[in-house]
Amino acid sequence: MTQPLETGLLGTPQRQLPIAIVAEFFSGAALRQFGEVLVPALFVSVASGGRPILVLLPLAVVVAVVLSVLRWWRTRFWVENDELILEKGLLNRTRLQVPLDRIQQISTEQGIVQQIFDVRKVSIDTAGSAGVEFSLSAIGNDIVAELRQLVVGADRTELPPPLARDLVAGQVDAPIGPPSIAASDLGVSGPTGALVNAASHSEAVLHMSWRDLVQVGLVRPGGQVLSGLLALLGLGVGGAVDSFVENRITSTIAAVSFMVGGLLFAFTALIGGAVLRDFELTVWRSEQGLRLTAGLLTKREQFARTERVQLVRRRANPLERLLERTTVVLPQASATAGLSSSSSGPQTQNFMVPSVPNDTVDRVTSLFLHDPPLLLGGAISPRARWRWGLYGAGWPAALLVAGGAVIFGFDGPVGLGITLFVLAVGVFVTGAFVAAASQRRWRWQLDPTVLRTRHGVAIDQRSDVELRKIQSVGLHQGWWQRRNGLASITCSTAGGSVEIPHLDVAVAESIRDRVLAAVERSEGPWM
């Protein structure tokens, strides 16, 4: 029977530091309650000439402040019998007990107020919640350090032996394990001594320079941002062309200036956001896992424990591939498991390192998996291109052709009908190309202890999962797959799932049986 962990400051019930009252006042709950008083006051003010607002507005402020003070006073936390206990609530009291060995991640943030008073906001994630289990707005650094040490000490499971080995033809077997990295081999700027934390026995494996931040800002915009930039570019080019055709030189210059100025502003905003979010981003590695620190105005810290990480995902969009960078996502146990291989999972449960230089990716992931080969051996059925082509090219093109035929049949605009036919040809050719390229790029490999996949045309995506962490294996067939003797297989973990689509049924059943047999034989913990 294991002895309870020794507690120091956390052995007795504690409240947050008083500065938490300020943070609570500006929290969502306090502002919502403030609005519940202020909105009726505004309506009354409009109806009566503005005098009642002089009384009701200060009353709303007083109510919000009093509620913030009461919430701070009624919130207590401590550790007892290897459980983190939180009590809170004004009228309805809530008592939450979280076993220390079930905590997946402790994330800390320091906004401007927290930095002034040298305190931290702490968020606790467990496998039983879709997001953050609970958060505390203002905790002292000594309490944070003790809580993190207790969580690490609560993980008393024995680490598994290095079982996984690559069995690629022509490659020598080599056990999984983090390579020894000398301080001089970190490949980062600045004094080496600042990148080795002797107190926590950790060393830096990644440090973002200003040049890195500029590249991160350029490669990380989402689809909506890219669509907006393309729309801005299209408006500028279209306006310039129209003005030039009509010999309006002044309007042409104005349209070009609008386009260039807008693009410069957008890129400046992207780079500025990357600087604020990922300033001084550093990834530290120790025997317990990885720790990420970053941020300028709001400093954040995340920790990914070695045994809590369920799988390793890597993805690179076209710009990242051009700049030889890869985003690494390490999903930990989550209540929203079952995500597809292209999903990254809820951000509160994920340890994500954005746009890592390719020559540094191995240093980040070596604690969890040995680097997989660049080209995986297994392929999916060539018939998958017909399935994807039908839905991505055939049906849309057929609808466009039908629309053009209707227009011609009812003597509609000839130009619109021709446009629909041209679009149909473009959609069909593009969809057929994407379907064929997707099938060619889909690769998988099943090693004795690791399942690896790689796919994607524009965005290169790779997933690696140790078989001992797989919770369930599903084999499913749609009507089209049944007619063609195909099946898809899904391997689910506590942090997400990996799917291999459109395999021959015999191959899918073989993978299922081999994975289940490996899971039954595994001796290491799944988390």
Protein backbone atom coordinates (compact mmCIF):
# COMPACT_ATOMS: atom_id res chain seq x y z
CA MET A 1 0.00 0.00 0.00
CA THR A 2 1.47 3.36 -1.00
CA GLN A 3 1.93 6.08 1.58
CA PRO A 4 0.19 9.43 1.04
CA LEU A 5 2.36 12.14 -0.40
CA GLU A 6 3.78 14.62 2.08
CA THR A 7 2.20 18.06 1.78
CA GLY A 8 3.58 21.38 2.97
CA LEU A 9 1.65 24.59 2.40
CA LEU A 10 -1.15 22.71 0.63
CA GLY A 11 -1.79 20.50 3.67
CA THR A 12 -4.17 23.10 5.13
CA PRO A 13 -7.14 24.86 3.44
CA GLN A 14 -6.04 27.99 1.60
CA ARG A 15 -7.59 30.92 -0.19
CA GLN A 16 -6.28 32.63 -3.24
CA LEU A 17 -4.22 35.79 -2.76
CA PRO A 18 -6.39 38.93 -2.33
CA ILE A 19 -5.42 40.16 -5.78
CA ALA A 20 -7.77 37.44 -7.04
CA ILE A 21 -10.63 39.79 -6.13
CA VAL A 22 -9.55 42.10 -8.96
CA ALA A 23 -9.29 39.16 -11.33
CA GLU A 24 -12.72 37.91 -10.22
CA PHE A 25 -14.22 41.36 -10.77
CA PHE A 26 -13.15 41.27 -14.42
CA SER A 27 -14.12 37.61 -14.88
CA GLY A 28 -17.00 36.51 -17.07
CA ALA A 29 -19.32 35.77 -14.14
CA ALA A 30 -18.79 39.15 -12.49
CA LEU A 31 -19.20 41.10 -15.73
CA ARG A 32 -22.34 39.13 -16.54
CA GLN A 33 -23.86 39.97 -13.17
CA PHE A 34 -22.79 43.59 -13.61
CA GLY A 35 -24.57 43.62 -16.96
CA GLU A 36 -27.71 42.10 -15.46
CA VAL A 37 -27.99 45.20 -13.25
CA LEU A 38 -26.71 47.74 -15.76
CA VAL A 39 -28.98 46.84 -18.72
CA PRO A 40 -32.27 47.37 -16.79
CA ALA A 41 -30.77 50.58 -15.43
CA LEU A 42 -30.18 51.87 -18.95
CA PHE A 43 -33.77 51.12 -19.98
CA VAL A 44 -35.09 52.89 -16.89
CA SER A 45 -32.78 55.82 -17.56
CA VAL A 46 -33.98 56.24 -21.14
CA ALA A 47 -37.61 56.09 -20.03
CA SER A 48 -37.21 58.67 -17.25
CA GLY A 49 -34.79 61.21 -18.59
CA GLY A 50 -31.51 59.75 -17.29
CA ARG A 51 -31.79 60.40 -13.54
CA PRO A 52 -32.11 56.81 -12.17
CA ILE A 53 -28.84 55.83 -13.84
CA LEU A 54 -27.00 58.01 -11.35
CA VAL A 55 -28.16 55.65 -8.59
CA LEU A 56 -28.33 52.31 -10.36
CA LEU A 57 -24.91 52.46 -12.02
CA PRO A 58 -22.95 52.82 -8.76
CA LEU A 59 -25.21 50.14 -7.28
CA ALA A 60 -24.23 47.75 -10.09
CA VAL A 61 -20.54 48.42 -9.40
CA VAL A 62 -21.00 47.81 -5.67
CA VAL A 63 -22.89 44.55 -6.31
CA ALA A 64 -20.17 43.26 -8.66
CA VAL A 65 -17.39 44.12 -6.16
CA VAL A 66 -19.23 42.52 -3.23
CA LEU A 67 -19.87 39.33 -5.20
CA SER A 68 -16.20 39.15 -6.21
CA VAL A 69 -15.12 39.48 -2.56
CA LEU A 70 -17.60 36.82 -1.45
CA ARG A 71 -16.48 34.40 -4.20
CA TRP A 72 -12.86 34.89 -3.16
CA TRP A 73 -13.68 34.32 0.52
CA ARG A 74 -15.79 31.22 -0.11
CA THR A 75 -13.23 29.55 -2.40
CA ARG A 76 -10.72 27.29 -0.66
CA PHE A 77 -8.38 24.57 -1.86
CA TRP A 78 -5.99 22.08 -0.30
CA VAL A 79 -4.51 18.59 -0.67
CA GLU A 80 -5.70 15.72 1.50
CA ASN A 81 -5.15 11.96 1.05
CA ASP A 82 -3.49 12.50 -2.34
CA GLU A 83 -6.51 14.48 -3.57
CA LEU A 84 -6.73 18.11 -4.61
CA ILE A 85 -9.90 19.48 -3.01
CA LEU A 86 -11.70 22.65 -4.09
CA GLU A 87 -14.66 24.18 -2.25
CA LYS A 88 -16.53 27.13 -3.71
CA GLY A 89 -20.00 28.66 -4.07
CA LEU A 90 -22.06 31.38 -2.42
CA LEU A 91 -25.50 29.85 -1.83
CA ASN A 92 -24.89 26.43 -3.37
CA ARG A 93 -21.63 24.98 -2.07
CA THR A 94 -19.59 22.78 -4.43
CA ARG A 95 -16.85 20.42 -3.30
CA LEU A 96 -14.64 19.00 -6.05
CA GLN A 97 -12.11 16.26 -5.27
CA VAL A 98 -9.50 15.39 -7.91
CA PRO A 99 -6.97 12.57 -7.30
CA LEU A 100 -3.49 13.90 -7.97
CA ASP A 101 -2.59 10.98 -10.20
CA ARG A 102 -5.59 11.77 -12.45
CA ILE A 103 -4.45 15.32 -13.22
CA GLN A 104 -3.32 15.42 -16.84
CA GLN A 105 -1.97 18.94 -17.09
CA ILE A 106 -1.27 21.99 -14.98
CA SER A 107 -1.23 25.17 -17.07
CA THR A 108 -0.26 28.55 -15.68
CA GLU A 109 -0.71 32.06 -17.06
CA GLN A 110 0.48 35.48 -16.00
CA GLY A 111 -1.47 38.43 -17.33
CA ILE A 112 -0.39 41.99 -16.72
CA VAL A 113 -2.05 42.10 -13.28
CA GLN A 114 -0.53 38.76 -12.27
CA GLN A 115 2.91 39.87 -13.44
CA ILE A 116 2.73 43.07 -11.40
CA PHE A 117 1.95 41.11 -8.21
CA ASP A 118 4.11 38.08 -9.18
CA VAL A 119 1.25 35.55 -8.97
CA ARG A 120 -0.10 32.99 -11.44
CA LYS A 121 -3.41 31.80 -12.80
CA VAL A 122 -3.52 28.00 -12.54
CA SER A 123 -5.74 25.72 -14.66
CA ILE A 124 -6.19 22.02 -13.89
CA ASP A 125 -7.09 19.49 -16.60
CA THR A 126 -8.17 15.90 -15.98
CA ALA A 127 -9.23 13.02 -18.19
CA GLY A 128 -12.80 13.41 -16.96
CA SER A 129 -13.50 16.85 -18.40
CA ALA A 130 -13.80 18.16 -21.92
CA GLY A 131 -12.00 21.35 -20.92
CA VAL A 132 -10.46 22.85 -17.82
CA GLU A 133 -11.65 21.14 -14.62
CA PHE A 134 -11.19 24.34 -12.63
CA SER A 135 -8.93 27.37 -12.45
CA LEU A 136 -7.63 29.69 -9.73
CA SER A 137 -6.91 33.30 -10.62
CA ALA A 138 -4.10 34.31 -8.24
CA ILE A 139 -1.81 31.69 -6.67
CA GLY A 140 1.64 32.28 -5.23
CA ASN A 141 4.66 30.79 -6.98
CA ASP A 142 5.51 28.62 -3.95
CA ILE A 143 2.04 27.05 -4.02
CA VAL A 144 2.28 26.44 -7.78
CA ALA A 145 5.69 24.79 -7.39
CA GLU A 146 4.44 22.52 -4.59
CA LEU A 147 1.30 21.54 -6.53
CA ARG A 148 3.34 20.70 -9.62
CA GLN A 149 5.75 18.63 -7.53
CA LEU A 150 2.87 16.75 -5.89
CA VAL A 151 1.33 15.96 -9.28
CA VAL A 152 4.63 14.65 -10.62
CA GLY A 153 5.21 12.62 -7.45
CA ALA A 154 1.71 11.15 -7.66
CA ASP A 155 2.58 9.42 -10.93
CA ARG A 156 4.11 6.33 -9.34
CA THR A 157 3.60 3.99 -12.25
CA GLU A 158 6.72 2.26 -13.46
CA LEU A 159 7.92 3.38 -16.84
CA PRO A 160 7.83 0.63 -19.47
CA PRO A 161 11.05 -0.72 -20.93
CA PRO A 162 12.04 0.57 -24.36
CA LEU A 163 10.08 -2.03 -26.31
CA ALA A 164 9.36 -0.23 -29.56
CA ARG A 165 11.80 -0.78 -32.41
CA ASP A 166 11.70 0.11 -36.05
CA LEU A 167 11.45 -2.88 -38.36
CA VAL A 168 11.91 -1.09 -41.64
CA ALA A 169 13.67 -3.10 -44.31
CA GLY A 170 17.34 -2.25 -44.42
CA GLN A 171 17.30 -0.33 -41.10
CA VAL A 172 19.11 -1.54 -38.00
CA ASP A 173 16.88 -2.11 -34.97
CA ALA A 174 17.27 0.66 -32.42
CA PRO A 175 15.39 1.02 -29.11
CA ILE A 176 13.28 4.05 -28.42
CA GLY A 177 14.80 6.57 -26.10
CA PRO A 178 15.67 10.25 -25.90
CA PRO A 179 19.07 11.00 -27.41
CA SER A 180 21.58 12.72 -25.20
CA ILE A 181 21.72 16.38 -26.17
CA ALA A 182 24.67 18.44 -25.13
CA ALA A 183 24.15 22.06 -24.15
CA SER A 184 26.29 23.11 -27.08
CA ASP A 185 24.04 21.19 -29.49
CA LEU A 186 20.84 23.07 -28.71
CA GLY A 187 21.10 25.23 -31.83
CA VAL A 188 19.73 28.34 -30.12
CA SER A 189 21.00 31.81 -29.56
CA GLY A 190 22.04 33.30 -26.25
CA PRO A 191 24.23 32.01 -23.41
CA THR A 192 24.06 28.27 -22.95
CA GLY A 193 23.83 28.52 -19.19
CA ALA A 194 20.45 30.24 -19.45
CA LEU A 195 19.07 27.21 -21.27
CA VAL A 196 19.88 24.57 -18.66
CA ASN A 197 17.76 24.54 -15.50
CA ALA A 198 19.85 22.66 -12.94
CA ALA A 199 17.23 22.97 -10.21
CA SER A 200 14.65 21.00 -12.19
CA HIS A 201 17.21 18.87 -14.10
CA SER A 202 15.79 20.10 -17.39
CA GLU A 203 17.35 21.43 -20.55
CA ALA A 204 16.02 23.52 -23.40
CA VAL A 205 15.41 21.67 -26.66
CA LEU A 206 13.80 24.60 -28.49
CA HIS A 207 14.00 28.37 -28.21
CA MET A 208 12.15 30.73 -30.58
CA SER A 209 14.21 33.67 -31.84
CA TRP A 210 12.78 36.85 -33.39
CA ARG A 211 13.26 35.34 -36.83
CA ASP A 212 11.31 32.27 -35.74
CA LEU A 213 8.46 34.43 -34.44
CA VAL A 214 8.18 36.24 -37.78
CA GLN A 215 7.93 32.92 -39.59
CA VAL A 216 5.41 31.58 -37.06
CA GLY A 217 3.23 34.65 -37.61
CA LEU A 218 3.29 34.10 -41.36
CA VAL A 219 2.59 30.36 -41.40
CA ARG A 220 -0.07 30.06 -38.68
CA PRO A 221 -3.06 32.09 -39.98
CA GLY A 222 -6.24 30.02 -40.25
CA GLY A 223 -8.51 29.50 -43.21
CA GLN A 224 -10.69 32.53 -42.38
CA VAL A 225 -7.66 34.83 -42.26
CA LEU A 226 -6.35 33.49 -45.55
CA SER A 227 -9.79 33.91 -47.15
CA GLY A 228 -9.90 37.52 -45.94
CA LEU A 229 -6.44 38.22 -47.37
CA LEU A 230 -7.43 36.70 -50.71
CA ALA A 231 -10.64 38.75 -50.74
CA LEU A 232 -8.65 41.90 -49.98
CA LEU A 233 -6.20 41.06 -52.75
CA GLY A 234 -9.05 40.39 -55.18
CA LEU A 235 -10.80 43.67 -54.37
CA GLY A 236 -7.58 45.61 -54.87
CA VAL A 237 -6.68 43.91 -58.14
CA GLY A 238 -10.22 44.15 -59.49
CA GLY A 239 -10.50 47.84 -58.65
CA ALA A 240 -7.11 48.57 -60.17
CA VAL A 241 -7.96 46.75 -63.42
CA ASP A 242 -11.31 48.51 -63.79
CA SER A 243 -9.76 51.91 -63.16
CA PHE A 244 -6.88 51.22 -65.54
CA VAL A 245 -9.25 50.13 -68.34
CA GLU A 246 -11.23 53.33 -67.92
CA ASN A 247 -7.98 55.41 -67.94
CA ARG A 248 -8.55 56.69 -64.40
CA ILE A 249 -4.95 56.80 -63.22
CA THR A 250 -5.75 58.36 -59.83
CA SER A 251 -8.29 55.65 -59.00
CA THR A 252 -5.84 52.97 -60.14
CA ILE A 253 -3.16 54.27 -57.80
CA ALA A 254 -5.71 54.49 -54.97
CA ALA A 255 -6.84 50.86 -55.51
CA VAL A 256 -3.25 49.58 -55.57
CA SER A 257 -2.40 51.62 -52.46
CA PHE A 258 -5.47 50.23 -50.68
CA MET A 259 -4.45 46.68 -51.53
CA VAL A 260 -0.78 47.09 -50.51
CA GLY A 261 -1.63 48.98 -47.33
CA GLY A 262 -4.22 46.41 -46.30
CA LEU A 263 -1.86 43.51 -46.89
CA LEU A 264 0.95 45.23 -44.95
CA PHE A 265 -1.43 45.90 -42.06
CA ALA A 266 -2.64 42.28 -42.08
CA PHE A 267 0.88 40.85 -42.08
CA THR A 268 1.93 43.26 -39.33
CA ALA A 269 -1.04 42.15 -37.24
CA LEU A 270 -0.18 38.47 -37.80
CA ILE A 271 3.45 38.94 -36.81
CA GLY A 272 2.48 41.12 -33.84
CA GLY A 273 0.06 38.45 -32.63
CA ALA A 274 2.78 35.81 -32.87
CA VAL A 275 5.16 38.01 -30.88
CA LEU A 276 2.59 38.59 -28.12
CA ARG A 277 1.55 34.94 -27.98
CA ASP A 278 4.86 33.11 -28.48
CA PHE A 279 7.47 35.61 -27.25
CA GLU A 280 10.52 33.79 -25.81
CA LEU A 281 8.85 30.42 -26.48
CA THR A 282 11.07 27.77 -24.94
CA VAL A 283 10.52 24.04 -24.58
CA TRP A 284 12.29 22.39 -21.66
CA ARG A 285 12.80 18.63 -21.39
CA SER A 286 13.31 16.55 -18.25
CA GLU A 287 12.69 12.96 -17.19
CA GLN A 288 9.08 13.86 -16.29
CA GLY A 289 8.20 15.35 -19.69
CA LEU A 290 8.15 18.64 -21.58
CA ARG A 291 7.48 22.13 -20.25
CA LEU A 292 6.63 25.08 -22.50
CA THR A 293 6.98 28.72 -21.48
CA ALA A 294 5.96 31.64 -23.73
CA GLY A 295 4.17 34.97 -23.91
CA LEU A 296 4.86 38.69 -23.65
CA LEU A 297 1.87 40.44 -22.08
CA THR A 298 0.34 37.15 -20.92
CA LYS A 299 2.96 34.60 -19.92
CA ARG A 300 1.83 30.99 -20.06
CA GLU A 301 3.32 27.67 -19.05
CA GLN A 302 2.25 24.14 -20.00
CA PHE A 303 3.53 20.75 -18.95
CA ALA A 304 3.20 17.44 -20.85
CA ARG A 305 4.03 14.43 -18.72
CA THR A 306 5.75 11.60 -20.54
CA GLU A 307 3.25 8.88 -19.72
CA ARG A 308 0.17 11.09 -20.08
CA VAL A 309 0.73 11.85 -23.76
CA GLN A 310 -1.47 9.49 -25.77
CA LEU A 311 -0.13 10.02 -29.28
CA VAL A 312 2.06 12.33 -31.34
CA ARG A 313 0.62 14.41 -34.17
CA ARG A 314 2.62 16.46 -36.65
CA ARG A 315 1.19 18.69 -39.32
CA ALA A 316 2.65 21.16 -41.80
CA ASN A 317 0.73 23.48 -44.11
CA PRO A 318 2.21 24.56 -47.46
CA LEU A 319 4.00 27.59 -45.97
CA GLU A 320 5.44 25.50 -43.15
CA ARG A 321 6.65 22.90 -45.64
CA LEU A 322 8.27 25.67 -47.70
CA LEU A 323 10.06 27.01 -44.60
CA GLU A 324 10.85 23.47 -43.35
CA ARG A 325 8.80 23.75 -40.16
CA THR A 326 6.29 21.42 -38.46
CA THR A 327 3.67 21.96 -35.77
CA VAL A 328 3.78 19.28 -33.05
CA VAL A 329 0.65 18.41 -31.03
CA LEU A 330 0.77 16.04 -28.06
CA PRO A 331 -2.82 15.17 -27.01
CA GLN A 332 -3.20 13.99 -23.44
CA ALA A 333 -6.07 12.02 -21.92
CA SER A 334 -9.36 13.81 -22.51
CA ALA A 335 -13.07 13.24 -22.03
CA THR A 336 -13.56 14.07 -25.71
CA ALA A 337 -11.60 11.16 -27.15
CA GLY A 338 -12.38 9.71 -30.53
CA LEU A 339 -11.13 12.58 -32.63
CA SER A 340 -10.07 11.83 -36.16
CA SER A 341 -6.44 11.76 -37.14
CA SER A 342 -6.76 15.20 -38.66
CA SER A 343 -8.06 16.76 -35.48
CA SER A 344 -5.94 18.17 -32.76
CA GLY A 345 -8.38 17.82 -29.93
CA PRO A 346 -9.45 20.43 -27.39
CA GLN A 347 -6.69 22.94 -26.83
CA THR A 348 -7.00 22.74 -23.05
CA GLN A 349 -5.89 19.09 -23.23
CA ASN A 350 -3.16 19.49 -25.84
CA PHE A 351 0.46 20.40 -25.58
CA MET A 352 1.17 22.20 -28.85
CA VAL A 353 4.48 23.56 -30.10
CA PRO A 354 3.88 25.73 -33.20
CA SER A 355 6.09 25.63 -36.29
CA VAL A 356 9.10 23.76 -34.95
CA PRO A 357 12.13 23.72 -37.29
CA ASN A 358 12.34 20.27 -38.88
CA ASP A 359 15.85 19.70 -37.55
CA THR A 360 14.49 20.19 -34.00
CA VAL A 361 11.29 18.12 -34.19
CA ASP A 362 13.04 14.94 -33.05
CA ARG A 363 14.27 16.65 -29.90
CA VAL A 364 10.70 17.59 -28.98
CA THR A 365 9.12 14.18 -29.70
CA SER A 366 11.95 11.82 -28.68
CA LEU A 367 10.54 11.44 -25.15
CA PHE A 368 7.40 9.86 -26.56
CA LEU A 369 8.28 8.09 -29.81
CA HIS A 370 11.26 7.26 -31.95
CA ASP A 371 11.28 9.23 -35.19
CA PRO A 372 9.30 7.30 -37.84
CA PRO A 373 10.68 6.78 -41.36
CA LEU A 374 9.89 9.47 -43.91
CA LEU A 375 8.08 7.02 -46.22
CA LEU A 376 5.77 4.50 -44.59
CA GLY A 377 5.27 1.16 -46.29
CA GLY A 378 1.53 0.42 -46.19
CA ALA A 379 -0.90 1.94 -48.70
CA ILE A 380 -4.68 2.09 -48.86
CA SER A 381 -6.72 0.61 -51.70
CA PRO A 382 -6.49 2.39 -55.10
CA ARG A 383 -10.27 2.19 -55.23
CA ALA A 384 -10.35 4.94 -52.60
CA ARG A 385 -9.67 7.50 -55.34
CA TRP A 386 -12.95 6.53 -57.04
CA ARG A 387 -14.86 6.96 -53.79
CA TRP A 388 -13.27 10.33 -53.01
CA GLY A 389 -13.48 11.39 -56.64
CA LEU A 390 -17.21 10.61 -56.75
CA TYR A 391 -18.00 12.83 -53.76
CA GLY A 392 -15.35 15.49 -54.37
CA ALA A 393 -15.59 15.77 -58.16
CA GLY A 394 -18.40 13.72 -59.71
CA TRP A 395 -21.46 14.92 -57.83
CA PRO A 396 -20.51 18.65 -57.75
CA ALA A 397 -19.64 18.61 -61.46
CA ALA A 398 -22.90 16.81 -62.29
CA LEU A 399 -24.92 19.43 -60.38
CA LEU A 400 -23.18 22.26 -62.23
CA VAL A 401 -23.80 20.58 -65.58
CA ALA A 402 -27.45 20.07 -64.67
CA GLY A 403 -27.73 23.75 -63.74
CA GLY A 404 -26.23 24.78 -67.10
CA ALA A 405 -28.58 22.44 -68.95
CA VAL A 406 -31.61 23.93 -67.17
CA ILE A 407 -30.49 27.44 -68.09
CA PHE A 408 -30.10 26.52 -71.76
CA GLY A 409 -33.36 24.57 -71.71
CA PHE A 410 -35.31 27.60 -70.50
CA ASP A 411 -33.47 30.08 -72.74
CA GLY A 412 -31.64 31.62 -69.81
CA PRO A 413 -28.51 33.78 -69.94
CA VAL A 414 -26.04 32.08 -72.27
CA GLY A 415 -23.05 33.50 -70.43
CA LEU A 416 -24.21 32.03 -67.10
CA GLY A 417 -24.77 28.61 -68.67
CA ILE A 418 -21.30 28.56 -70.24
CA THR A 419 -19.80 29.66 -66.91
CA LEU A 420 -21.46 26.72 -65.14
CA PHE A 421 -20.12 24.27 -67.72
CA VAL A 422 -16.59 25.69 -67.37
CA LEU A 423 -16.87 25.47 -63.57
CA ALA A 424 -18.03 21.86 -63.88
CA VAL A 425 -14.92 20.96 -65.88
CA GLY A 426 -12.69 22.77 -63.37
CA VAL A 427 -14.34 21.10 -60.38
CA PHE A 428 -14.13 17.66 -61.99
CA VAL A 429 -10.44 17.98 -62.92
CA THR A 430 -9.46 19.46 -59.54
CA GLY A 431 -11.48 16.94 -57.53
CA ALA A 432 -10.11 14.00 -59.52
CA PHE A 433 -6.54 15.24 -59.02
CA VAL A 434 -7.02 15.74 -55.28
CA ALA A 435 -8.63 12.30 -54.89
CA ALA A 436 -5.77 10.58 -56.73
CA ALA A 437 -3.13 12.55 -54.83
CA SER A 438 -4.81 11.80 -51.49
CA GLN A 439 -4.82 8.07 -52.20
CA ARG A 440 -1.16 8.10 -53.24
CA ARG A 441 -0.06 10.03 -50.14
CA TRP A 442 -1.97 7.88 -47.65
CA ARG A 443 0.62 5.67 -45.90
CA TRP A 444 0.56 3.59 -42.75
CA GLN A 445 2.88 1.27 -40.89
CA LEU A 446 2.29 -1.13 -38.01
CA ASP A 447 5.45 -1.83 -36.02
CA PRO A 448 5.45 -4.29 -33.09
CA THR A 449 4.58 -1.47 -30.67
CA VAL A 450 3.75 1.61 -32.75
CA LEU A 451 1.08 2.49 -35.33
CA ARG A 452 2.05 5.29 -37.71
CA THR A 453 0.05 7.11 -40.38
CA ARG A 454 0.79 9.90 -42.84
CA HIS A 455 -1.60 11.62 -45.24
CA GLY A 456 -2.68 14.95 -46.70
CA VAL A 457 -2.18 16.79 -49.98
CA ALA A 458 -1.91 20.47 -49.04
CA ILE A 459 -1.39 19.85 -45.31
CA ASP A 460 0.99 17.03 -44.46
CA GLN A 461 -0.30 15.18 -41.36
CA ARG A 462 1.38 12.43 -39.38
CA SER A 463 0.14 10.53 -36.33
CA ASP A 464 2.10 8.07 -34.19
CA VAL A 465 0.62 6.08 -31.32
CA GLU A 466 2.06 3.36 -29.13
CA LEU A 467 -0.13 0.28 -29.21
CA ARG A 468 -0.23 -0.01 -25.41
CA LYS A 469 -2.12 3.31 -25.25
CA ILE A 470 -4.93 2.18 -27.59
CA GLN A 471 -8.27 1.80 -25.78
CA SER A 472 -10.42 0.30 -28.53
CA VAL A 473 -10.21 -0.85 -32.14
CA GLY A 474 -13.17 -0.40 -34.49
CA LEU A 475 -13.64 -1.91 -37.95
CA HIS A 476 -16.50 -0.44 -39.98
CA GLN A 477 -17.86 -0.69 -43.52
CA GLY A 478 -20.18 1.58 -45.46
CA TRP A 479 -22.38 0.32 -48.26
CA TRP A 480 -19.80 1.25 -50.91
CA GLN A 481 -17.02 -0.44 -48.95
CA ARG A 482 -19.07 -3.63 -48.54
CA ARG A 483 -19.65 -3.78 -52.30
CA ASN A 484 -15.91 -3.40 -52.96
CA GLY A 485 -14.54 -5.59 -50.17
CA LEU A 486 -13.05 -2.68 -48.22
CA ALA A 487 -13.13 -1.54 -44.59
CA SER A 488 -11.82 1.29 -42.42
CA ILE A 489 -10.17 0.78 -39.06
CA THR A 490 -10.12 3.22 -36.14
CA CYS A 491 -7.76 2.93 -33.15
CA SER A 492 -8.94 5.13 -30.27
CA THR A 493 -6.89 6.38 -27.33
CA ALA A 494 -7.82 8.53 -24.33
CA GLY A 495 -6.57 11.57 -26.25
CA GLY A 496 -7.91 10.98 -29.75
CA SER A 497 -8.00 8.36 -32.49
CA VAL A 498 -6.13 7.34 -35.61
CA GLU A 499 -8.07 6.08 -38.63
CA ILE A 500 -6.87 4.17 -41.70
CA PRO A 501 -9.55 4.30 -44.42
CA HIS A 502 -10.37 1.99 -47.34
CA LEU A 503 -8.26 -1.10 -46.67
CA ASP A 504 -8.92 -4.54 -48.04
CA VAL A 505 -11.04 -6.37 -45.48
CA ALA A 506 -8.35 -9.02 -44.89
CA VAL A 507 -5.73 -6.33 -44.24
CA ALA A 508 -8.02 -4.39 -41.88
CA GLU A 509 -8.84 -7.55 -39.91
CA SER A 510 -5.14 -8.40 -39.70
CA ILE A 511 -4.33 -4.94 -38.32
CA ARG A 512 -7.16 -5.21 -35.80
CA ASP A 513 -5.99 -8.61 -34.56
CA ARG A 514 -2.34 -7.56 -34.34
CA VAL A 515 -3.17 -4.38 -32.43
CA LEU A 516 -5.42 -6.19 -29.96
CA ALA A 517 -2.80 -8.89 -29.42
CA ALA A 518 -0.11 -6.24 -28.82
CA VAL A 519 -2.37 -4.41 -26.35
CA GLU A 520 -3.01 -7.63 -24.43
CA ARG A 521 0.72 -8.40 -24.25
CA SER A 522 1.82 -4.90 -23.26
CA GLU A 523 3.13 -4.50 -19.74
CA GLY A 524 3.54 -0.73 -19.56
CA PRO A 525 0.81 1.66 -18.33
CA TRP A 526 -1.50 3.27 -20.87
CA MET A 527 -1.30 6.62 -19.04
